[in-house]
Amino acid sequence: PETVTLYENGVKRFKTLANTGITAAPTENGTYPVYSRFTVTTMS
């Protein structure tokens, strides 16, 4: 099962189940920085 794990200073602090992209719209493998954040937004 797909998961998201948060590490703080190298220590696992939180883990949850998650969903990534389907085959036709995959979530790309790699390492990326968070560049923008919203408490709530519209996605289209």
PDB file of all heavy atoms in Angstrom:
ATOM      1  N   PRO A   1       0.833  -1.201   0.000  1.00  0.00           N
ATOM      2  CA  PRO A   1       0.000   0.000   0.000  1.00  0.00           C
ATOM      3  C   PRO A   1       0.872   1.257   0.000  1.00  0.00           C
ATOM      4  O   PRO A   1       1.867   1.350   0.711  1.00  0.00           O
ATOM      5  CB  PRO A   1      -0.793  -0.113   1.304  1.00  0.00           C
ATOM      6  CG  PRO A   1       0.098  -0.891   2.219  1.00  0.00           C
ATOM      7  CD  PRO A   1       0.852  -1.853   1.328  1.00  0.00           C
ATOM      8  N   GLU A   2       0.496   2.225  -0.841  1.00  0.00           N
ATOM      9  CA  GLU A   2       1.253   3.465  -0.965  1.00  0.00           C
ATOM     10  C   GLU A   2       1.161   4.268   0.326  1.00  0.00           C
ATOM     11  O   GLU A   2       0.107   4.317   0.964  1.00  0.00           O
ATOM     12  CB  GLU A   2       0.726   4.293  -2.137  1.00  0.00           C
ATOM     13  CG  GLU A   2       0.959   3.602  -3.460  1.00  0.00           C
ATOM     14  CD  GLU A   2       0.473   4.407  -4.640  1.00  0.00           C
ATOM     15  OE1 GLU A   2      -0.579   5.084  -4.524  1.00  0.00           O
ATOM     16  OE2 GLU A   2       1.138   4.354  -5.682  1.00  0.00           O
ATOM     17  N   THR A   3       2.277   4.886   0.698  1.00  0.00           N
ATOM     18  CA  THR A   3       2.326   5.644   1.948  1.00  0.00           C
ATOM     19  C   THR A   3       3.116   6.938   1.786  1.00  0.00           C
ATOM     20  O   THR A   3       3.901   7.095   0.855  1.00  0.00           O
ATOM     21  CB  THR A   3       2.993   4.823   3.074  1.00  0.00           C
ATOM     22  OG1 THR A   3       4.322   4.467   2.659  1.00  0.00           O
ATOM     23  CG2 THR A   3       2.200   3.579   3.414  1.00  0.00           C
ATOM     24  N   VAL A   4       2.897   7.825   2.746  1.00  0.00           N
ATOM     25  CA  VAL A   4       3.686   9.039   2.918  1.00  0.00           C
ATOM     26  C   VAL A   4       4.272   8.974   4.319  1.00  0.00           C
ATOM     27  O   VAL A   4       3.552   8.712   5.286  1.00  0.00           O
ATOM     28  CB  VAL A   4       2.815  10.318   2.783  1.00  0.00           C
ATOM     29  CG1 VAL A   4       3.579  11.556   3.226  1.00  0.00           C
ATOM     30  CG2 VAL A   4       2.319  10.476   1.358  1.00  0.00           C
ATOM     31  N   THR A   5       5.586   9.210   4.424  1.00  0.00           N
ATOM     32  CA  THR A   5       6.255   9.210   5.715  1.00  0.00           C
ATOM     33  C   THR A   5       6.978  10.530   5.903  1.00  0.00           C
ATOM     34  O   THR A   5       7.703  10.982   5.011  1.00  0.00           O
ATOM     35  CB  THR A   5       7.275   8.052   5.811  1.00  0.00           C
ATOM     36  OG1 THR A   5       6.598   6.821   5.524  1.00  0.00           O
ATOM     37  CG2 THR A   5       7.894   7.977   7.196  1.00  0.00           C
ATOM     38  N   LEU A   6       6.771  11.152   7.061  1.00  0.00           N
ATOM     39  CA  LEU A   6       7.450  12.398   7.422  1.00  0.00           C
ATOM     40  C   LEU A   6       8.607  12.076   8.358  1.00  0.00           C
ATOM     41  O   LEU A   6       8.427  11.375   9.357  1.00  0.00           O
ATOM     42  CB  LEU A   6       6.479  13.348   8.134  1.00  0.00           C
ATOM     43  CG  LEU A   6       7.110  14.557   8.834  1.00  0.00           C
ATOM     44  CD1 LEU A   6       7.704  15.527   7.809  1.00  0.00           C
ATOM     45  CD2 LEU A   6       6.085  15.255   9.721  1.00  0.00           C
ATOM     46  N   TYR A   7       9.779  12.606   8.028  1.00  0.00           N
ATOM     47  CA  TYR A   7      10.952  12.504   8.894  1.00  0.00           C
ATOM     48  C   TYR A   7      11.313  13.905   9.371  1.00  0.00           C
ATOM     49  O   TYR A   7      11.347  14.843   8.576  1.00  0.00           O
ATOM     50  CB  TYR A   7      12.147  11.918   8.133  1.00  0.00           C
ATOM     51  CG  TYR A   7      11.948  10.479   7.745  1.00  0.00           C
ATOM     52  CD1 TYR A   7      11.327  10.143   6.548  1.00  0.00           C
ATOM     53  CD2 TYR A   7      12.380   9.459   8.582  1.00  0.00           C
ATOM     54  CE1 TYR A   7      11.143   8.812   6.199  1.00  0.00           C
ATOM     55  CE2 TYR A   7      12.196   8.122   8.231  1.00  0.00           C
ATOM     56  CZ  TYR A   7      11.574   7.818   7.035  1.00  0.00           C
ATOM     57  OH  TYR A   7      11.386   6.510   6.684  1.00  0.00           O
ATOM     58  N   GLU A   8      11.549  14.042  10.663  1.00  0.00           N
ATOM     59  CA  GLU A   8      12.033  15.297  11.242  1.00  0.00           C
ATOM     60  C   GLU A   8      13.418  15.027  11.809  1.00  0.00           C
ATOM     61  O   GLU A   8      13.571  14.176  12.684  1.00  0.00           O
ATOM     62  CB  GLU A   8      11.116  15.793  12.353  1.00  0.00           C
ATOM     63  CG  GLU A   8       9.799  16.320  11.871  1.00  0.00           C
ATOM     64  CD  GLU A   8       8.947  16.846  13.014  1.00  0.00           C
ATOM     65  OE1 GLU A   8       9.097  16.378  14.159  1.00  0.00           O
ATOM     66  OE2 GLU A   8       8.116  17.715  12.735  1.00  0.00           O
ATOM     67  N   ASN A   9      14.418  15.738  11.284  1.00  0.00           N
ATOM     68  CA  ASN A   9      15.802  15.537  11.713  1.00  0.00           C
ATOM     69  C   ASN A   9      16.187  14.063  11.682  1.00  0.00           C
ATOM     70  O   ASN A   9      16.860  13.553  12.579  1.00  0.00           O
ATOM     71  CB  ASN A   9      16.044  16.143  13.097  1.00  0.00           C
ATOM     72  CG  ASN A   9      15.905  17.653  13.068  1.00  0.00           C
ATOM     73  OD1 ASN A   9      16.304  18.307  12.105  1.00  0.00           O
ATOM     74  ND2 ASN A   9      15.322  18.204  14.112  1.00  0.00           N
ATOM     75  N   GLY A  10      15.737  13.356  10.644  1.00  0.00           N
ATOM     76  CA  GLY A  10      16.097  11.958  10.450  1.00  0.00           C
ATOM     77  C   GLY A  10      15.271  10.957  11.221  1.00  0.00           C
ATOM     78  O   GLY A  10      15.489   9.750  11.112  1.00  0.00           O
ATOM     79  N   VAL A  11      14.304  11.409  12.002  1.00  0.00           N
ATOM     80  CA  VAL A  11      13.482  10.513  12.813  1.00  0.00           C
ATOM     81  C   VAL A  11      12.071  10.436  12.218  1.00  0.00           C
ATOM     82  O   VAL A  11      11.446  11.462  11.969  1.00  0.00           O
ATOM     83  CB  VAL A  11      13.414  11.010  14.280  1.00  0.00           C
ATOM     84  CG1 VAL A  11      12.510  10.116  15.112  1.00  0.00           C
ATOM     85  CG2 VAL A  11      14.804  11.100  14.883  1.00  0.00           C
ATOM     86  N   LYS A  12      11.587   9.203  12.017  1.00  0.00           N
ATOM     87  CA  LYS A  12      10.235   9.034  11.485  1.00  0.00           C
ATOM     88  C   LYS A  12       9.228   9.547  12.504  1.00  0.00           C
ATOM     89  O   LYS A  12       9.208   9.107  13.648  1.00  0.00           O
ATOM     90  CB  LYS A  12       9.957   7.567  11.165  1.00  0.00           C
ATOM     91  CG  LYS A  12       8.600   7.370  10.541  1.00  0.00           C
ATOM     92  CD  LYS A  12       8.215   5.991  10.050  1.00  0.00           C
ATOM     93  CE  LYS A  12       8.960   4.839  10.511  1.00  0.00           C
ATOM     94  NZ  LYS A  12       8.398   3.545  10.056  1.00  0.00           N
ATOM     95  N   ARG A  13       8.399  10.501  12.091  1.00  0.00           N
ATOM     96  CA  ARG A  13       7.426  11.114  12.999  1.00  0.00           C
ATOM     97  C   ARG A  13       5.977  10.823  12.643  1.00  0.00           C
ATOM     98  O   ARG A  13       5.104  10.904  13.501  1.00  0.00           O
ATOM     99  CB  ARG A  13       7.612  12.634  13.028  1.00  0.00           C
ATOM    100  CG  ARG A  13       8.921  13.096  13.550  1.00  0.00           C
ATOM    101  CD  ARG A  13       8.997  12.857  15.027  1.00  0.00           C
ATOM    102  NE  ARG A  13      10.237  13.449  15.536  1.00  0.00           N
ATOM    103  CZ  ARG A  13      10.771  13.134  16.672  1.00  0.00           C
ATOM    104  NH1 ARG A  13      10.202  12.233  17.446  1.00  0.00           N
ATOM    105  NH2 ARG A  13      11.891  13.687  17.064  1.00  0.00           N
ATOM    106  N   PHE A  14       5.716  10.525  11.359  1.00  0.00           N
ATOM    107  CA  PHE A  14       4.322  10.364  10.935  1.00  0.00           C
ATOM    108  C   PHE A  14       4.289   9.535   9.663  1.00  0.00           C
ATOM    109  O   PHE A  14       5.151   9.674   8.802  1.00  0.00           O
ATOM    110  CB  PHE A  14       3.699  11.746  10.681  1.00  0.00           C
ATOM    111  CG  PHE A  14       2.260  11.707  10.258  1.00  0.00           C
ATOM    112  CD1 PHE A  14       1.260  11.397  11.161  1.00  0.00           C
ATOM    113  CD2 PHE A  14       1.907  11.974   8.943  1.00  0.00           C
ATOM    114  CE1 PHE A  14      -0.068  11.353  10.769  1.00  0.00           C
ATOM    115  CE2 PHE A  14       0.585  11.936   8.541  1.00  0.00           C
ATOM    116  CZ  PHE A  14      -0.406  11.627   9.453  1.00  0.00           C
ATOM    117  N   LYS A  15       3.270   8.676   9.562  1.00  0.00           N
ATOM    118  CA  LYS A  15       3.094   7.866   8.355  1.00  0.00           C
ATOM    119  C   LYS A  15       1.614   7.698   8.096  1.00  0.00           C
ATOM    120  O   LYS A  15       0.839   7.507   9.031  1.00  0.00           O
ATOM    121  CB  LYS A  15       3.768   6.499   8.532  1.00  0.00           C
ATOM    122  CG  LYS A  15       3.768   5.649   7.284  1.00  0.00           C
ATOM    123  CD  LYS A  15       4.610   4.394   7.507  1.00  0.00           C
ATOM    124  CE  LYS A  15       4.694   3.568   6.237  1.00  0.00           C
ATOM    125  NZ  LYS A  15       5.559   2.388   6.437  1.00  0.00           N
ATOM    126  N   THR A  16       1.214   7.771   6.831  1.00  0.00           N
ATOM    127  CA  THR A  16      -0.179   7.614   6.452  1.00  0.00           C
ATOM    128  C   THR A  16      -0.283   6.924   5.106  1.00  0.00           C
ATOM    129  O   THR A  16       0.644   6.974   4.299  1.00  0.00           O
ATOM    130  CB  THR A  16      -0.900   8.975   6.387  1.00  0.00           C
ATOM    131  OG1 THR A  16      -2.287   8.761   6.074  1.00  0.00           O
ATOM    132  CG2 THR A  16      -0.302   9.887   5.335  1.00  0.00           C
ATOM    133  N   LEU A  17      -1.423   6.296   4.861  1.00  0.00           N
ATOM    134  CA  LEU A  17      -1.715   5.774   3.535  1.00  0.00           C
ATOM    135  C   LEU A  17      -1.921   6.940   2.579  1.00  0.00           C
ATOM    136  O   LEU A  17      -2.369   8.023   2.990  1.00  0.00           O
ATOM    137  CB  LEU A  17      -2.968   4.897   3.557  1.00  0.00           C
ATOM    138  CG  LEU A  17      -2.836   3.545   4.247  1.00  0.00           C
ATOM    139  CD1 LEU A  17      -4.199   2.866   4.329  1.00  0.00           C
ATOM    140  CD2 LEU A  17      -1.841   2.653   3.517  1.00  0.00           C
ATOM    141  N   ALA A  18      -1.614   6.715   1.313  1.00  0.00           N
ATOM    142  CA  ALA A  18      -1.740   7.770   0.312  1.00  0.00           C
ATOM    143  C   ALA A  18      -2.053   7.152  -1.043  1.00  0.00           C
ATOM    144  O   ALA A  18      -1.988   5.940  -1.218  1.00  0.00           O
ATOM    145  CB  ALA A  18      -0.444   8.569   0.235  1.00  0.00           C
ATOM    146  N   ASN A  19      -2.394   8.017  -1.992  1.00  0.00           N
ATOM    147  CA  ASN A  19      -2.602   7.614  -3.379  1.00  0.00           C
ATOM    148  C   ASN A  19      -1.673   8.432  -4.267  1.00  0.00           C
ATOM    149  O   ASN A  19      -1.556   9.643  -4.082  1.00  0.00           O
ATOM    150  CB  ASN A  19      -4.041   7.887  -3.828  1.00  0.00           C
ATOM    151  CG  ASN A  19      -5.058   7.180  -2.971  1.00  0.00           C
ATOM    152  OD1 ASN A  19      -4.830   6.087  -2.493  1.00  0.00           O
ATOM    153  ND2 ASN A  19      -6.204   7.817  -2.774  1.00  0.00           N
ATOM    154  N   THR A  20      -1.055   7.777  -5.249  1.00  0.00           N
ATOM    155  CA  THR A  20      -0.260   8.495  -6.238  1.00  0.00           C
ATOM    156  C   THR A  20      -0.974   8.407  -7.583  1.00  0.00           C
ATOM    157  O   THR A  20      -2.112   7.944  -7.666  1.00  0.00           O
ATOM    158  CB  THR A  20       1.171   7.915  -6.331  1.00  0.00           C
ATOM    159  OG1 THR A  20       1.096   6.558  -6.762  1.00  0.00           O
ATOM    160  CG2 THR A  20       1.897   8.026  -5.006  1.00  0.00           C
ATOM    161  N   GLY A  21      -0.282   8.837  -8.640  1.00  0.00           N
ATOM    162  CA  GLY A  21      -0.896   8.929  -9.955  1.00  0.00           C
ATOM    163  C   GLY A  21      -1.151   7.607 -10.657  1.00  0.00           C
ATOM    164  O   GLY A  21      -0.395   6.649 -10.514  1.00  0.00           O
ATOM    165  N   ILE A  22      -2.221   7.617 -11.429  1.00  0.00           N
ATOM    166  CA  ILE A  22      -2.572   6.465 -12.261  1.00  0.00           C
ATOM    167  C   ILE A  22      -1.580   6.355 -13.422  1.00  0.00           C
ATOM    168  O   ILE A  22      -0.802   7.278 -13.677  1.00  0.00           O
ATOM    169  CB  ILE A  22      -4.020   6.585 -12.786  1.00  0.00           C
ATOM    170  CG1 ILE A  22      -4.186   7.869 -13.611  1.00  0.00           C
ATOM    171  CG2 ILE A  22      -5.022   6.544 -11.633  1.00  0.00           C
ATOM    172  CD1 ILE A  22      -5.531   8.043 -14.281  1.00  0.00           C
ATOM    173  N   THR A  23      -1.616   5.247 -14.142  1.00  0.00           N
ATOM    174  CA  THR A  23      -0.681   5.019 -15.252  1.00  0.00           C
ATOM    175  C   THR A  23      -0.722   6.136 -16.281  1.00  0.00           C
ATOM    176  O   THR A  23       0.311   6.560 -16.793  1.00  0.00           O
ATOM    177  CB  THR A  23      -0.983   3.656 -15.928  1.00  0.00           C
ATOM    178  OG1 THR A  23      -0.906   2.635 -14.935  1.00  0.00           O
ATOM    179  CG2 THR A  23       0.002   3.357 -17.035  1.00  0.00           C
ATOM    180  N   ALA A  24      -1.907   6.647 -16.598  1.00  0.00           N
ATOM    181  CA  ALA A  24      -2.053   7.703 -17.610  1.00  0.00           C
ATOM    182  C   ALA A  24      -1.591   9.071 -17.104  1.00  0.00           C
ATOM    183  O   ALA A  24      -1.390   9.990 -17.905  1.00  0.00           O
ATOM    184  CB  ALA A  24      -3.502   7.786 -18.068  1.00  0.00           C
ATOM    185  N   ALA A  25      -1.389   9.228 -15.790  1.00  0.00           N
ATOM    186  CA  ALA A  25      -0.944  10.494 -15.201  1.00  0.00           C
ATOM    187  C   ALA A  25      -0.106  10.181 -13.959  1.00  0.00           C
ATOM    188  O   ALA A  25      -0.519  10.442 -12.830  1.00  0.00           O
ATOM    189  CB  ALA A  25      -2.147  11.370 -14.837  1.00  0.00           C
ATOM    190  N   PRO A  26       1.075   9.595 -14.161  1.00  0.00           N
ATOM    191  CA  PRO A  26       1.859   9.100 -13.022  1.00  0.00           C
ATOM    192  C   PRO A  26       2.482  10.212 -12.184  1.00  0.00           C
ATOM    193  O   PRO A  26       2.701  11.318 -12.661  1.00  0.00           O
ATOM    194  CB  PRO A  26       2.951   8.266 -13.687  1.00  0.00           C
ATOM    195  CG  PRO A  26       3.126   8.897 -15.031  1.00  0.00           C
ATOM    196  CD  PRO A  26       1.748   9.367 -15.435  1.00  0.00           C
ATOM    197  N   THR A  27       2.761   9.872 -10.935  1.00  0.00           N
ATOM    198  CA  THR A  27       3.560  10.730 -10.072  1.00  0.00           C
ATOM    199  C   THR A  27       5.009  10.378 -10.379  1.00  0.00           C
ATOM    200  O   THR A  27       5.414   9.222 -10.243  1.00  0.00           O
ATOM    201  CB  THR A  27       3.254  10.454  -8.583  1.00  0.00           C
ATOM    202  OG1 THR A  27       1.841  10.536  -8.379  1.00  0.00           O
ATOM    203  CG2 THR A  27       3.969  11.434  -7.681  1.00  0.00           C
ATOM    204  N   GLU A  28       5.787  11.362 -10.814  1.00  0.00           N
ATOM    205  CA  GLU A  28       7.164  11.115 -11.248  1.00  0.00           C
ATOM    206  C   GLU A  28       8.058  10.755 -10.075  1.00  0.00           C
ATOM    207  O   GLU A  28       8.006  11.412  -9.029  1.00  0.00           O
ATOM    208  CB  GLU A  28       7.728  12.352 -11.959  1.00  0.00           C
ATOM    209  CG  GLU A  28       7.025  12.705 -13.240  1.00  0.00           C
ATOM    210  CD  GLU A  28       7.192  11.676 -14.348  1.00  0.00           C
ATOM    211  OE1 GLU A  28       8.261  11.034 -14.425  1.00  0.00           O
ATOM    212  OE2 GLU A  28       6.241  11.499 -15.122  1.00  0.00           O
ATOM    213  N   ASN A  29       8.886   9.727 -10.258  1.00  0.00           N
ATOM    214  CA  ASN A  29       9.894   9.400  -9.265  1.00  0.00           C
ATOM    215  C   ASN A  29      10.959  10.487  -9.232  1.00  0.00           C
ATOM    216  O   ASN A  29      11.264  11.099 -10.257  1.00  0.00           O
ATOM    217  CB  ASN A  29      10.567   8.067  -9.594  1.00  0.00           C
ATOM    218  CG  ASN A  29       9.666   6.879  -9.353  1.00  0.00           C
ATOM    219  OD1 ASN A  29       8.635   6.984  -8.684  1.00  0.00           O
ATOM    220  ND2 ASN A  29      10.034   5.743  -9.906  1.00  0.00           N
ATOM    221  N   GLY A  30      11.513  10.728  -8.060  1.00  0.00           N
ATOM    222  CA  GLY A  30      12.586  11.706  -7.913  1.00  0.00           C
ATOM    223  C   GLY A  30      12.486  12.422  -6.585  1.00  0.00           C
ATOM    224  O   GLY A  30      11.610  12.122  -5.765  1.00  0.00           O
ATOM    225  N   THR A  31      13.389  13.369  -6.387  1.00  0.00           N
ATOM    226  CA  THR A  31      13.397  14.194  -5.181  1.00  0.00           C
ATOM    227  C   THR A  31      13.225  15.636  -5.598  1.00  0.00           C
ATOM    228  O   THR A  31      13.973  16.130  -6.456  1.00  0.00           O
ATOM    229  CB  THR A  31      14.706  14.006  -4.389  1.00  0.00           C
ATOM    230  OG1 THR A  31      14.799  12.630  -4.000  1.00  0.00           O
ATOM    231  CG2 THR A  31      14.737  14.883  -3.150  1.00  0.00           C
ATOM    232  N   TYR A  32      12.258  16.311  -4.995  1.00  0.00           N
ATOM    233  CA  TYR A  32      11.882  17.671  -5.389  1.00  0.00           C
ATOM    234  C   TYR A  32      11.626  18.521  -4.149  1.00  0.00           C
ATOM    235  O   TYR A  32      11.122  18.020  -3.148  1.00  0.00           O
ATOM    236  CB  TYR A  32      10.589  17.643  -6.222  1.00  0.00           C
ATOM    237  CG  TYR A  32      10.589  16.610  -7.320  1.00  0.00           C
ATOM    238  CD1 TYR A  32       9.996  15.361  -7.127  1.00  0.00           C
ATOM    239  CD2 TYR A  32      11.186  16.874  -8.539  1.00  0.00           C
ATOM    240  CE1 TYR A  32       9.998  14.404  -8.135  1.00  0.00           C
ATOM    241  CE2 TYR A  32      11.191  15.924  -9.559  1.00  0.00           C
ATOM    242  CZ  TYR A  32      10.597  14.689  -9.347  1.00  0.00           C
ATOM    243  OH  TYR A  32      10.593  13.741 -10.333  1.00  0.00           O
ATOM    244  N   PRO A  33      11.900  19.836  -4.214  1.00  0.00           N
ATOM    245  CA  PRO A  33      11.587  20.703  -3.079  1.00  0.00           C
ATOM    246  C   PRO A  33      10.158  21.228  -3.159  1.00  0.00           C
ATOM    247  O   PRO A  33       9.633  21.493  -4.243  1.00  0.00           O
ATOM    248  CB  PRO A  33      12.573  21.858  -3.244  1.00  0.00           C
ATOM    249  CG  PRO A  33      12.768  21.956  -4.725  1.00  0.00           C
ATOM    250  CD  PRO A  33      12.679  20.534  -5.243  1.00  0.00           C
ATOM    251  N   VAL A  34       9.522  21.377  -2.010  1.00  0.00           N
ATOM    252  CA  VAL A  34       8.229  22.058  -1.954  1.00  0.00           C
ATOM    253  C   VAL A  34       8.476  23.500  -2.385  1.00  0.00           C
ATOM    254  O   VAL A  34       9.384  24.169  -1.885  1.00  0.00           O
ATOM    255  CB  VAL A  34       7.628  22.012  -0.530  1.00  0.00           C
ATOM    256  CG1 VAL A  34       6.412  22.933  -0.422  1.00  0.00           C
ATOM    257  CG2 VAL A  34       7.265  20.584  -0.156  1.00  0.00           C
ATOM    258  N   TYR A  35       7.693  23.980  -3.359  1.00  0.00           N
ATOM    259  CA  TYR A  35       7.917  25.334  -3.873  1.00  0.00           C
ATOM    260  C   TYR A  35       6.721  26.267  -3.692  1.00  0.00           C
ATOM    261  O   TYR A  35       6.850  27.482  -3.864  1.00  0.00           O
ATOM    262  CB  TYR A  35       8.340  25.296  -5.342  1.00  0.00           C
ATOM    263  CG  TYR A  35       7.256  24.833  -6.288  1.00  0.00           C
ATOM    264  CD1 TYR A  35       6.323  25.730  -6.806  1.00  0.00           C
ATOM    265  CD2 TYR A  35       7.166  23.500  -6.663  1.00  0.00           C
ATOM    266  CE1 TYR A  35       5.334  25.312  -7.667  1.00  0.00           C
ATOM    267  CE2 TYR A  35       6.177  23.067  -7.518  1.00  0.00           C
ATOM    268  CZ  TYR A  35       5.270  23.977  -8.024  1.00  0.00           C
ATOM    269  OH  TYR A  35       4.281  23.554  -8.872  1.00  0.00           O
ATOM    270  N   SER A  36       5.575  25.727  -3.318  1.00  0.00           N
ATOM    271  CA  SER A  36       4.391  26.564  -3.118  1.00  0.00           C
ATOM    272  C   SER A  36       3.429  25.815  -2.206  1.00  0.00           C
ATOM    273  O   SER A  36       3.348  24.583  -2.272  1.00  0.00           O
ATOM    274  CB  SER A  36       3.723  26.858  -4.461  1.00  0.00           C
ATOM    275  OG  SER A  36       2.631  27.741  -4.313  1.00  0.00           O
ATOM    276  N   ARG A  37       2.689  26.582  -1.365  1.00  0.00           N
ATOM    277  CA  ARG A  37       1.795  25.942  -0.388  1.00  0.00           C
ATOM    278  C   ARG A  37       0.505  26.739  -0.246  1.00  0.00           C
ATOM    279  O   ARG A  37       0.502  27.957  -0.365  1.00  0.00           O
ATOM    280  CB  ARG A  37       2.479  25.894   0.984  1.00  0.00           C
ATOM    281  CG  ARG A  37       3.792  25.188   0.977  1.00  0.00           C
ATOM    282  CD  ARG A  37       4.513  25.333   2.309  1.00  0.00           C
ATOM    283  NE  ARG A  37       3.907  24.475   3.302  1.00  0.00           N
ATOM    284  CZ  ARG A  37       3.475  24.890   4.485  1.00  0.00           C
ATOM    285  NH1 ARG A  37       3.583  26.131   4.851  1.00  0.00           N
ATOM    286  NH2 ARG A  37       2.937  24.037   5.328  1.00  0.00           N
ATOM    287  N   PHE A  38      -0.567  26.010   0.058  1.00  0.00           N
ATOM    288  CA  PHE A  38      -1.874  26.628   0.291  1.00  0.00           C
ATOM    289  C   PHE A  38      -2.605  25.842   1.375  1.00  0.00           C
ATOM    290  O   PHE A  38      -2.552  24.614   1.385  1.00  0.00           O
ATOM    291  CB  PHE A  38      -2.737  26.607  -0.976  1.00  0.00           C
ATOM    292  CG  PHE A  38      -2.125  27.317  -2.138  1.00  0.00           C
ATOM    293  CD1 PHE A  38      -1.359  26.629  -3.062  1.00  0.00           C
ATOM    294  CD2 PHE A  38      -2.291  28.681  -2.296  1.00  0.00           C
ATOM    295  CE1 PHE A  38      -0.781  27.276  -4.140  1.00  0.00           C
ATOM    296  CE2 PHE A  38      -1.712  29.352  -3.362  1.00  0.00           C
ATOM    297  CZ  PHE A  38      -0.962  28.646  -4.290  1.00  0.00           C
ATOM    298  N   THR A  39      -3.310  26.549   2.247  1.00  0.00           N
ATOM    299  CA  THR A  39      -4.155  25.839   3.204  1.00  0.00           C
ATOM    300  C   THR A  39      -5.372  25.270   2.493  1.00  0.00           C
ATOM    301  O   THR A  39      -5.877  24.217   2.873  1.00  0.00           O
ATOM    302  CB  THR A  39      -4.606  26.747   4.366  1.00  0.00           C
ATOM    303  OG1 THR A  39      -5.234  27.903   3.817  1.00  0.00           O
ATOM    304  CG2 THR A  39      -3.444  27.132   5.250  1.00  0.00           C
ATOM    305  N   VAL A  40      -5.823  25.944   1.451  1.00  0.00           N
ATOM    306  CA  VAL A  40      -6.922  25.449   0.608  1.00  0.00           C
ATOM    307  C   VAL A  40      -6.790  26.113  -0.757  1.00  0.00           C
ATOM    308  O   VAL A  40      -6.395  27.277  -0.856  1.00  0.00           O
ATOM    309  CB  VAL A  40      -8.306  25.715   1.239  1.00  0.00           C
ATOM    310  CG1 VAL A  40      -8.609  27.187   1.319  1.00  0.00           C
ATOM    311  CG2 VAL A  40      -9.394  24.969   0.501  1.00  0.00           C
ATOM    312  N   THR A  41      -7.092  25.362  -1.808  1.00  0.00           N
ATOM    313  CA  THR A  41      -6.996  25.915  -3.158  1.00  0.00           C
ATOM    314  C   THR A  41      -7.927  25.157  -4.096  1.00  0.00           C
ATOM    315  O   THR A  41      -8.564  24.176  -3.703  1.00  0.00           O
ATOM    316  CB  THR A  41      -5.538  25.858  -3.684  1.00  0.00           C
ATOM    317  OG1 THR A  41      -5.429  26.661  -4.863  1.00  0.00           O
ATOM    318  CG2 THR A  41      -5.087  24.446  -3.982  1.00  0.00           C
ATOM    319  N   THR A  42      -7.992  25.608  -5.333  1.00  0.00           N
ATOM    320  CA  THR A  42      -8.742  24.944  -6.389  1.00  0.00           C
ATOM    321  C   THR A  42      -7.737  24.317  -7.353  1.00  0.00           C
ATOM    322  O   THR A  42      -6.752  24.958  -7.712  1.00  0.00           O
ATOM    323  CB  THR A  42      -9.631  25.954  -7.149  1.00  0.00           C
ATOM    324  OG1 THR A  42     -10.592  26.474  -6.226  1.00  0.00           O
ATOM    325  CG2 THR A  42     -10.340  25.311  -8.328  1.00  0.00           C
ATOM    326  N   MET A  43      -7.984  23.096  -7.737  1.00  0.00           N
ATOM    327  CA  MET A  43      -7.137  22.416  -8.721  1.00  0.00           C
ATOM    328  C   MET A  43      -7.977  22.143  -9.954  1.00  0.00           C
ATOM    329  O   MET A  43      -9.111  21.683  -9.851  1.00  0.00           O
ATOM    330  CB  MET A  43      -6.590  21.110  -8.155  1.00  0.00           C
ATOM    331  CG  MET A  43      -5.623  21.305  -7.019  1.00  0.00           C
ATOM    332  SD  MET A  43      -4.976  19.725  -6.476  1.00  0.00           S
ATOM    333  CE  MET A  43      -3.572  20.284  -5.533  1.00  0.00           C
ATOM    334  N   SER A  44      -7.395  22.438 -11.106  1.00  0.00           N
ATOM    335  CA  SER A  44      -8.114  22.195 -12.354  1.00  0.00           C
ATOM    336  C   SER A  44      -7.134  21.768 -13.430  1.00  0.00           C
ATOM    337  O   SER A  44      -5.939  21.998 -13.325  1.00  0.00           O
ATOM    338  CB  SER A  44      -8.886  23.450 -12.786  1.00  0.00           C
ATOM    339  OG  SER A  44      -8.008  24.543 -12.906  1.00  0.00           O
TER     340      SER A  44
END
